[in-house]
C-alpha cells in the first residue's frame, strides 16, 4: 500500500494549503517567529501571521508566553489526529442512525 503524502493527509484533516505549509514548517522548526516561518516556508510574513492566528483558533499552534518576540510552537499533532477520528466516528454514528430511516422509505418503493 502506497503511503499517503503528508500534504494530502493534512488536506483531509481540513487544513488549507497555507495552513499546511505553516503548520508543517512550525513542526519542523519546533518553535519560531513569523519571520523564521516565512523564511523557511517561502510565504510572506503578513500571510504567515494570518495563518498562525487561524491555527491558534484551531488549537494547533500556541503563542509561547513571556517571550519578548511573538514565538509560536505547534501543539501535539496527536490533537489533530484525535479530532479527525472523533469527527469521523460522529459521521459513522450518524450514518448508522440514518440507515433505518432510509430503508423504511425505500420499502414503500418495492
Foldseek 3Di string as FASTA:
>chain_A
DDDDDVVVVVVLLPDDPLLVLQLVLQVVVQKAALVSSCVVSVHDSVSSVVSQVVCVVVVQKDFDPPDPGGMIGGDPCVVSVVVSVVVVVVVVVVVVVCVVVVVVVVVVVD
